[in-house]
Protein backbone atom coordinates (compact mmCIF):
# COMPACT_ATOMS: atom_id res chain seq x y z
CA MET A 1 0.00 0.00 0.00
CA LEU A 2 2.80 2.40 0.88
CA SER A 3 4.55 1.73 -2.44
CA LYS A 4 1.36 2.67 -4.32
CA VAL A 5 1.26 6.00 -2.53
CA GLY A 6 4.97 6.48 -3.19
CA ARG A 7 4.45 6.10 -6.94
CA LEU A 8 2.31 9.24 -6.89
CA PHE A 9 5.43 11.27 -6.09
CA VAL A 10 7.53 9.97 -9.00
CA ILE A 11 7.90 12.17 -12.08
CA LYS A 12 7.32 9.91 -15.07
CA THR A 13 6.74 12.17 -18.09
CA PRO A 14 8.13 15.47 -19.36
CA PHE A 15 4.65 16.99 -19.02
CA GLU A 16 4.67 16.25 -15.28
CA ALA A 17 8.17 17.72 -15.06
CA TYR A 18 7.07 20.93 -16.78
CA LEU A 19 4.11 21.25 -14.41
CA ILE A 20 6.43 20.91 -11.42
CA ILE A 21 8.91 23.40 -12.88
CA TYR A 22 6.06 25.84 -13.48
CA ALA A 23 4.91 25.50 -9.87
CA LEU A 24 8.48 26.05 -8.66
CA ALA A 25 8.74 29.15 -10.84
CA ILE A 26 5.50 30.61 -9.48
CA GLY A 27 6.74 30.10 -5.93
CA ALA A 28 10.15 31.58 -6.74
CA VAL A 29 8.62 34.71 -8.23
CA GLU A 30 6.38 35.14 -5.19
CA ARG A 31 9.40 34.75 -2.92
CA GLY A 32 11.32 37.19 -5.12
CA HIS A 33 8.56 39.78 -4.82
CA ALA A 34 8.73 39.44 -1.06
CA TYR A 35 12.49 40.01 -1.21
CA LEU A 36 12.02 43.10 -3.40
CA TYR A 37 9.56 44.51 -0.88
CA ARG A 38 11.68 43.64 2.14
CA PHE A 39 15.05 44.62 0.65
CA PRO A 40 14.54 47.46 -1.85
CA GLY A 41 17.42 48.20 -4.18
CA PHE A 42 20.25 46.06 -5.46
CA GLY A 43 20.07 43.48 -2.65
CA GLY A 44 16.43 42.68 -3.34
CA LYS A 45 17.08 42.36 -7.05
CA LEU A 46 20.00 40.06 -6.39
CA LEU A 47 17.88 37.83 -4.15
CA PHE A 48 15.10 37.83 -6.77
CA LEU A 49 17.61 36.63 -9.38
CA ALA A 50 18.85 33.95 -6.99
CA CYS A 51 15.30 32.63 -6.56
CA THR A 52 14.59 32.45 -10.26
CA GLY A 53 18.06 31.10 -11.05
CA ALA A 54 17.49 28.22 -8.67
CA VAL A 55 14.38 27.25 -10.66
CA PHE A 56 16.41 27.15 -13.89
CA MET A 57 18.99 24.87 -12.28
CA ALA A 58 16.39 22.59 -10.69
CA GLY A 59 14.34 22.44 -13.89
CA GLY A 60 17.36 21.46 -15.94
CA LYS A 61 18.29 18.77 -13.45
CA ILE A 62 14.75 17.35 -13.45
CA LEU A 63 14.65 17.16 -17.25
CA ASP A 64 18.15 15.63 -17.42
CA CYS A 65 17.16 12.98 -14.89
CA LEU A 66 14.11 12.05 -16.95
CA LYS A 67 16.28 11.57 -20.04
CA HIS A 68 18.79 9.53 -18.03
CA GLU A 69 16.09 7.27 -16.58
CA ARG A 70 14.56 6.76 -20.03
CA ARG A 71 17.97 5.79 -21.42
CA LEU A 72 18.61 3.34 -18.57
CA ARG A 73 15.20 1.77 -19.09
CA ALA A 74 15.88 1.37 -22.83
CA GLU A 75 19.27 -0.22 -22.14
CA ALA A 76 17.74 -2.63 -19.62
CA GLU A 77 15.04 -3.68 -22.09
CA GLY A 78 17.62 -4.15 -24.84
CA ALA A 79 19.89 -6.27 -22.65
CA VAL A 80 17.12 -8.67 -21.66
């Protein structure tokens, strides 16, 4: 039963990955707006860029992992 629930939290398709990246981006922009309000000027802008930059890095890693898992699955099917 626990494994069935665990499968809900596995990213299987690029569409799911893009939805997660979009949600991360929305949260990062909200956090960035809070930083701009709290720290006006260059510091707030720098923190805003850090928030959005983290989404780019995480999104790239998620998409790379999907490609890697797909390649491993194809190799396993070809070896059997």
